[in-house]
């Protein structure tokens, strides 16, 4: 029995090249998210070695924020 296609079905299912491109985009976004997470973890580990820098940075940020609000 022949299958009847309409235009909506054709647009819902992209061709192989488009599907592969979308998969690659998703894969790269996932990879970037993992790399970003790893960089943040590394930064947290490095900052944990110097807690005085974290508090100094927090105070500087708080001062800048209060100046902007005024």
PDB file of N, CA and C in Angstrom:
ATOM      1  N   UNK A   1       0.851  -1.175   0.000  1.00  0.00           N
ATOM      2  CA  UNK A   1       0.000   0.000   0.000  1.00  0.00           C
ATOM      3  C   UNK A   1       0.898   1.240   0.000  1.00  0.00           C
ATOM      4  N   UNK A   2       0.712   2.128  -0.929  1.00  0.00           N
ATOM      5  CA  UNK A   2       1.546   3.328  -0.980  1.00  0.00           C
ATOM      6  C   UNK A   2       1.212   4.275   0.175  1.00  0.00           C
ATOM      7  N   UNK A   3       2.238   4.898   0.651  1.00  0.00           N
ATOM      8  CA  UNK A   3       2.061   5.831   1.761  1.00  0.00           C
ATOM      9  C   UNK A   3       1.861   7.231   1.197  1.00  0.00           C
ATOM     10  N   UNK A   4       0.932   7.957   1.758  1.00  0.00           N
ATOM     11  CA  UNK A   4       0.625   9.302   1.287  1.00  0.00           C
ATOM     12  C   UNK A   4       1.387  10.300   2.153  1.00  0.00           C
ATOM     13  N   UNK A   5       2.166  11.158   1.494  1.00  0.00           N
ATOM     14  CA  UNK A   5       2.924  12.183   2.200  1.00  0.00           C
ATOM     15  C   UNK A   5       2.252  13.532   1.981  1.00  0.00           C
ATOM     16  N   UNK A   6       2.281  14.318   2.997  1.00  0.00           N
ATOM     17  CA  UNK A   6       1.854  15.700   2.816  1.00  0.00           C
ATOM     18  C   UNK A   6       3.040  16.605   3.157  1.00  0.00           C
ATOM     19  N   UNK A   7       2.901  17.880   2.878  1.00  0.00           N
ATOM     20  CA  UNK A   7       4.007  18.811   3.092  1.00  0.00           C
ATOM     21  C   UNK A   7       4.406  18.906   4.558  1.00  0.00           C
ATOM     22  N   UNK A   8       3.477  18.780   5.463  1.00  0.00           N
ATOM     23  CA  UNK A   8       3.788  18.881   6.888  1.00  0.00           C
ATOM     24  C   UNK A   8       4.724  17.762   7.323  1.00  0.00           C
ATOM     25  N   UNK A   9       4.516  16.572   6.833  1.00  0.00           N
ATOM     26  CA  UNK A   9       5.390  15.456   7.189  1.00  0.00           C
ATOM     27  C   UNK A   9       6.794  15.661   6.639  1.00  0.00           C
ATOM     28  N   UNK A  10       6.894  16.214   5.471  1.00  0.00           N
ATOM     29  CA  UNK A  10       8.206  16.425   4.879  1.00  0.00           C
ATOM     30  C   UNK A  10       9.018  17.442   5.673  1.00  0.00           C
ATOM     31  N   UNK A  11       8.357  18.441   6.217  1.00  0.00           N
ATOM     32  CA  UNK A  11       9.059  19.459   6.986  1.00  0.00           C
ATOM     33  C   UNK A  11       9.357  18.987   8.397  1.00  0.00           C
ATOM     34  N   UNK A  12       8.588  18.045   8.915  1.00  0.00           N
ATOM     35  CA  UNK A  12       8.830  17.537  10.260  1.00  0.00           C
ATOM     36  C   UNK A  12      10.065  16.653  10.313  1.00  0.00           C
ATOM     37  N   UNK A  13      10.351  15.938   9.252  1.00  0.00           N
ATOM     38  CA  UNK A  13      11.484  15.022   9.238  1.00  0.00           C
ATOM     39  C   UNK A  13      12.560  15.565   8.305  1.00  0.00           C
ATOM     40  N   UNK A  14      13.613  16.160   8.880  1.00  0.00           N
ATOM     41  CA  UNK A  14      14.665  16.707   8.024  1.00  0.00           C
ATOM     42  C   UNK A  14      15.465  15.597   7.346  1.00  0.00           C
ATOM     43  N   UNK A  15      16.113  15.959   6.273  1.00  0.00           N
ATOM     44  CA  UNK A  15      16.926  14.968   5.566  1.00  0.00           C
ATOM     45  C   UNK A  15      18.157  14.596   6.400  1.00  0.00           C
ATOM     46  N   UNK A  16      18.893  13.615   5.933  1.00  0.00           N
ATOM     47  CA  UNK A  16      20.011  13.067   6.712  1.00  0.00           C
ATOM     48  C   UNK A  16      21.080  14.123   6.996  1.00  0.00           C
ATOM     49  N   UNK A  17      21.372  14.958   6.019  1.00  0.00           N
ATOM     50  CA  UNK A  17      22.410  15.974   6.202  1.00  0.00           C
ATOM     51  C   UNK A  17      21.998  16.978   7.275  1.00  0.00           C
ATOM     52  N   UNK A  18      20.761  17.425   7.232  1.00  0.00           N
ATOM     53  CA  UNK A  18      20.259  18.369   8.222  1.00  0.00           C
ATOM     54  C   UNK A  18      20.204  17.725   9.600  1.00  0.00           C
ATOM     55  N   UNK A  19      19.768  16.486   9.642  1.00  0.00           N
ATOM     56  CA  UNK A  19      19.683  15.768  10.915  1.00  0.00           C
ATOM     57  C   UNK A  19      21.077  15.614  11.538  1.00  0.00           C
ATOM     58  N   UNK A  20      22.060  15.270  10.712  1.00  0.00           N
ATOM     59  CA  UNK A  20      23.440  15.132  11.192  1.00  0.00           C
ATOM     60  C   UNK A  20      23.978  16.467  11.698  1.00  0.00           C
ATOM     61  N   UNK A  21      23.650  17.544  10.974  1.00  0.00           N
ATOM     62  CA  UNK A  21      24.100  18.872  11.387  1.00  0.00           C
ATOM     63  C   UNK A  21      23.497  19.244  12.739  1.00  0.00           C
ATOM     64  N   UNK A  22      22.217  18.972  12.928  1.00  0.00           N
ATOM     65  CA  UNK A  22      21.573  19.250  14.211  1.00  0.00           C
ATOM     66  C   UNK A  22      22.180  18.414  15.332  1.00  0.00           C
ATOM     67  N   UNK A  23      22.469  17.153  15.051  1.00  0.00           N
ATOM     68  CA  UNK A  23      23.105  16.298  16.055  1.00  0.00           C
ATOM     69  C   UNK A  23      24.487  16.828  16.415  1.00  0.00           C
ATOM     70  N   UNK A  24      25.238  17.276  15.425  1.00  0.00           N
ATOM     71  CA  UNK A  24      26.561  17.842  15.685  1.00  0.00           C
ATOM     72  C   UNK A  24      26.463  19.109  16.527  1.00  0.00           C
ATOM     73  N   UNK A  25      25.470  19.949  16.229  1.00  0.00           N
ATOM     74  CA  UNK A  25      25.291  21.166  17.014  1.00  0.00           C
ATOM     75  C   UNK A  25      24.967  20.835  18.463  1.00  0.00           C
ATOM     76  N   UNK A  26      24.072  19.863  18.668  1.00  0.00           N
ATOM     77  CA  UNK A  26      23.740  19.445  20.035  1.00  0.00           C
ATOM     78  C   UNK A  26      24.953  18.855  20.742  1.00  0.00           C
ATOM     79  N   UNK A  27      25.698  18.040  20.013  1.00  0.00           N
ATOM     80  CA  UNK A  27      26.886  17.412  20.590  1.00  0.00           C
ATOM     81  C   UNK A  27      27.921  18.466  20.989  1.00  0.00           C
ATOM     82  N   UNK A  28      28.132  19.464  20.132  1.00  0.00           N
ATOM     83  CA  UNK A  28      29.102  20.514  20.443  1.00  0.00           C
ATOM     84  C   UNK A  28      28.628  21.377  21.603  1.00  0.00           C
ATOM     85  N   UNK A  29      27.343  21.650  21.678  1.00  0.00           N
ATOM     86  CA  UNK A  29      26.818  22.410  22.813  1.00  0.00           C
ATOM     87  C   UNK A  29      27.023  21.633  24.108  1.00  0.00           C
ATOM     88  N   UNK A  30      26.803  20.341  24.056  1.00  0.00           N
ATOM     89  CA  UNK A  30      27.007  19.488  25.226  1.00  0.00           C
ATOM     90  C   UNK A  30      28.481  19.483  25.618  1.00  0.00           C
ATOM     91  N   UNK A  31      29.357  19.376  24.626  1.00  0.00           N
ATOM     92  CA  UNK A  31      30.797  19.376  24.902  1.00  0.00           C
ATOM     93  C   UNK A  31      31.237  20.703  25.511  1.00  0.00           C
ATOM     94  N   UNK A  32      30.711  21.822  24.971  1.00  0.00           N
ATOM     95  CA  UNK A  32      31.060  23.130  25.530  1.00  0.00           C
ATOM     96  C   UNK A  32      30.570  23.257  26.964  1.00  0.00           C
ATOM     97  N   UNK A  33      29.392  22.724  27.253  1.00  0.00           N
ATOM     98  CA  UNK A  33      28.868  22.777  28.618  1.00  0.00           C
ATOM     99  C   UNK A  33      29.757  21.977  29.567  1.00  0.00           C
ATOM    100  N   UNK A  34      30.219  20.822  29.125  1.00  0.00           N
ATOM    101  CA  UNK A  34      31.113  20.012  29.958  1.00  0.00           C
ATOM    102  C   UNK A  34      32.436  20.744  30.184  1.00  0.00           C
ATOM    103  N   UNK A  35      32.982  21.347  29.129  1.00  0.00           N
ATOM    104  CA  UNK A  35      34.236  22.085  29.270  1.00  0.00           C
ATOM    105  C   UNK A  35      34.062  23.282  30.196  1.00  0.00           C
ATOM    106  N   UNK A  36      32.942  23.980  30.069  1.00  0.00           N
ATOM    107  CA  UNK A  36      32.671  25.120  30.941  1.00  0.00           C
ATOM    108  C   UNK A  36      32.582  24.666  32.395  1.00  0.00           C
ATOM    109  N   UNK A  37      31.900  23.560  32.623  1.00  0.00           N
ATOM    110  CA  UNK A  37      31.777  23.019  33.972  1.00  0.00           C
ATOM    111  C   UNK A  37      33.150  22.637  34.526  1.00  0.00           C
ATOM    112  N   UNK A  38      33.981  22.003  33.710  1.00  0.00           N
ATOM    113  CA  UNK A  38      35.321  21.605  34.149  1.00  0.00           C
ATOM    114  C   UNK A  38      36.171  22.829  34.479  1.00  0.00           C
ATOM    115  N   UNK A  39      36.059  23.882  33.653  1.00  0.00           N
ATOM    116  CA  UNK A  39      36.801  25.113  33.925  1.00  0.00           C
ATOM    117  C   UNK A  39      36.341  25.751  35.227  1.00  0.00           C
ATOM    118  N   UNK A  40      35.037  25.757  35.465  1.00  0.00           N
ATOM    119  CA  UNK A  40      34.516  26.323  36.708  1.00  0.00           C
ATOM    120  C   UNK A  40      34.992  25.525  37.917  1.00  0.00           C
ATOM    121  N   UNK A  41      35.007  24.207  37.805  1.00  0.00           N
ATOM    122  CA  UNK A  41      35.503  23.362  38.903  1.00  0.00           C
ATOM    123  C   UNK A  41      36.975  23.633  39.161  1.00  0.00           C
ATOM    124  N   UNK A  42      37.763  23.754  38.097  1.00  0.00           N
ATOM    125  CA  UNK A  42      39.192  24.044  38.240  1.00  0.00           C
ATOM    126  C   UNK A  42      39.386  25.399  38.909  1.00  0.00           C
ATOM    127  N   UNK A  43      38.629  26.392  38.509  1.00  0.00           N
ATOM    128  CA  UNK A  43      38.720  27.717  39.108  1.00  0.00           C
ATOM    129  C   UNK A  43      38.352  27.667  40.583  1.00  0.00           C
ATOM    130  N   UNK A  44      37.304  26.927  40.919  1.00  0.00           N
ATOM    131  CA  UNK A  44      36.909  26.792  42.324  1.00  0.00           C
ATOM    132  C   UNK A  44      38.021  26.142  43.136  1.00  0.00           C
ATOM    133  N   UNK A  45      38.663  25.114  42.574  1.00  0.00           N
ATOM    134  CA  UNK A  45      39.765  24.452  43.287  1.00  0.00           C
ATOM    135  C   UNK A  45      40.931  25.413  43.487  1.00  0.00           C
ATOM    136  N   UNK A  46      41.235  26.207  42.460  1.00  0.00           N
ATOM    137  CA  UNK A  46      42.332  27.162  42.579  1.00  0.00           C
ATOM    138  C   UNK A  46      42.007  28.250  43.591  1.00  0.00           C
ATOM    139  N   UNK A  47      40.782  28.726  43.594  1.00  0.00           N
ATOM    140  CA  UNK A  47      40.399  29.771  44.538  1.00  0.00           C
ATOM    141  C   UNK A  47      40.315  29.243  45.966  1.00  0.00           C
ATOM    142  N   UNK A  48      40.037  27.974  46.117  1.00  0.00           N
ATOM    143  CA  UNK A  48      39.961  27.387  47.458  1.00  0.00           C
ATOM    144  C   UNK A  48      41.324  27.430  48.140  1.00  0.00           C
ATOM    145  N   UNK A  49      42.400  27.467  47.357  1.00  0.00           N
ATOM    146  CA  UNK A  49      43.743  27.561  47.930  1.00  0.00           C
ATOM    147  C   UNK A  49      44.029  28.946  48.499  1.00  0.00           C
ATOM    148  N   UNK A  50      43.287  29.957  48.041  1.00  0.00           N
ATOM    149  CA  UNK A  50      43.513  31.332  48.465  1.00  0.00           C
ATOM    150  C   UNK A  50      42.194  31.976  48.898  1.00  0.00           C
ATOM    151  N   UNK A  51      41.665  31.615  50.065  1.00  0.00           N
ATOM    152  CA  UNK A  51      40.364  32.163  50.477  1.00  0.00           C
ATOM    153  C   UNK A  51      40.384  33.676  50.683  1.00  0.00           C
ATOM    154  N   UNK A  52      41.563  34.243  50.993  1.00  0.00           N
ATOM    155  CA  UNK A  52      41.626  35.696  51.182  1.00  0.00           C
ATOM    156  C   UNK A  52      41.356  36.428  49.869  1.00  0.00           C
ATOM    157  N   UNK A  53      41.713  35.826  48.734  1.00  0.00           N
ATOM    158  CA  UNK A  53      41.421  36.451  47.442  1.00  0.00           C
ATOM    159  C   UNK A  53      39.929  36.427  47.141  1.00  0.00           C
ATOM    160  N   UNK A  54      39.268  35.375  47.550  1.00  0.00           N
ATOM    161  CA  UNK A  54      37.831  35.271  47.318  1.00  0.00           C
ATOM    162  C   UNK A  54      37.109  36.358  48.093  1.00  0.00           C
ATOM    163  N   UNK A  55      37.467  36.533  49.377  1.00  0.00           N
ATOM    164  CA  UNK A  55      36.792  37.553  50.179  1.00  0.00           C
ATOM    165  C   UNK A  55      37.136  38.947  49.680  1.00  0.00           C
ATOM    166  N   UNK A  56      38.390  39.180  49.245  1.00  0.00           N
ATOM    167  CA  UNK A  56      38.769  40.486  48.710  1.00  0.00           C
ATOM    168  C   UNK A  56      37.998  40.774  47.426  1.00  0.00           C
ATOM    169  N   UNK A  57      37.860  39.788  46.578  1.00  0.00           N
ATOM    170  CA  UNK A  57      37.092  39.963  45.348  1.00  0.00           C
ATOM    171  C   UNK A  57      35.637  40.243  45.632  1.00  0.00           C
ATOM    172  N   UNK A  58      35.097  39.583  46.650  1.00  0.00           N
ATOM    173  CA  UNK A  58      33.702  39.810  47.025  1.00  0.00           C
ATOM    174  C   UNK A  58      33.514  41.237  47.513  1.00  0.00           C
ATOM    175  N   UNK A  59      34.452  41.723  48.339  1.00  0.00           N
ATOM    176  CA  UNK A  59      34.335  43.084  48.859  1.00  0.00           C
ATOM    177  C   UNK A  59      34.440  44.110  47.735  1.00  0.00           C
ATOM    178  N   UNK A  60      35.356  43.892  46.798  1.00  0.00           N
ATOM    179  CA  UNK A  60      35.488  44.818  45.674  1.00  0.00           C
ATOM    180  C   UNK A  60      34.219  44.833  44.833  1.00  0.00           C
ATOM    181  N   UNK A  61      33.647  43.671  44.611  1.00  0.00           N
ATOM    182  CA  UNK A  61      32.411  43.589  43.834  1.00  0.00           C
ATOM    183  C   UNK A  61      31.272  44.287  44.575  1.00  0.00           C
ATOM    184  N   UNK A  62      31.202  44.114  45.885  1.00  0.00           N
ATOM    185  CA  UNK A  62      30.149  44.752  46.675  1.00  0.00           C
ATOM    186  C   UNK A  62      30.295  46.270  46.630  1.00  0.00           C
ATOM    187  N   UNK A  63      31.537  46.759  46.695  1.00  0.00           N
ATOM    188  CA  UNK A  63      31.764  48.204  46.631  1.00  0.00           C
ATOM    189  C   UNK A  63      31.346  48.759  45.272  1.00  0.00           C
ATOM    190  N   UNK A  64      31.690  48.053  44.205  1.00  0.00           N
ATOM    191  CA  UNK A  64      31.305  48.511  42.861  1.00  0.00           C
ATOM    192  C   UNK A  64      29.792  48.522  42.695  1.00  0.00           C
ATOM    193  N   UNK A  65      29.147  47.507  43.228  1.00  0.00           N
ATOM    194  CA  UNK A  65      27.689  47.427  43.117  1.00  0.00           C
ATOM    195  C   UNK A  65      27.020  48.554  43.879  1.00  0.00           C
ATOM    196  N   UNK A  66      27.544  48.876  45.056  1.00  0.00           N
ATOM    197  CA  UNK A  66      26.930  49.944  45.849  1.00  0.00           C
ATOM    198  C   UNK A  66      27.151  51.302  45.187  1.00  0.00           C
ATOM    199  N   UNK A  67      28.293  51.487  44.520  1.00  0.00           N
ATOM    200  CA  UNK A  67      28.546  52.752  43.815  1.00  0.00           C
ATOM    201  C   UNK A  67      27.590  52.925  42.640  1.00  0.00           C
ATOM    202  N   UNK A  68      27.329  51.831  41.937  1.00  0.00           N
ATOM    203  CA  UNK A  68      26.416  51.900  40.795  1.00  0.00           C
ATOM    204  C   UNK A  68      24.994  52.200  41.246  1.00  0.00           C
ATOM    205  N   UNK A  69      24.629  51.661  42.387  1.00  0.00           N
ATOM    206  CA  UNK A  69      23.267  51.850  42.881  1.00  0.00           C
ATOM    207  C   UNK A  69      23.058  53.280  43.369  1.00  0.00           C
ATOM    208  N   UNK A  70      24.124  53.934  43.808  1.00  0.00           N
ATOM    209  CA  UNK A  70      23.997  55.290  44.370  1.00  0.00           C
ATOM    210  C   UNK A  70      23.850  56.345  43.315  1.00  0.00           C
TER     211      UNK A  70
END
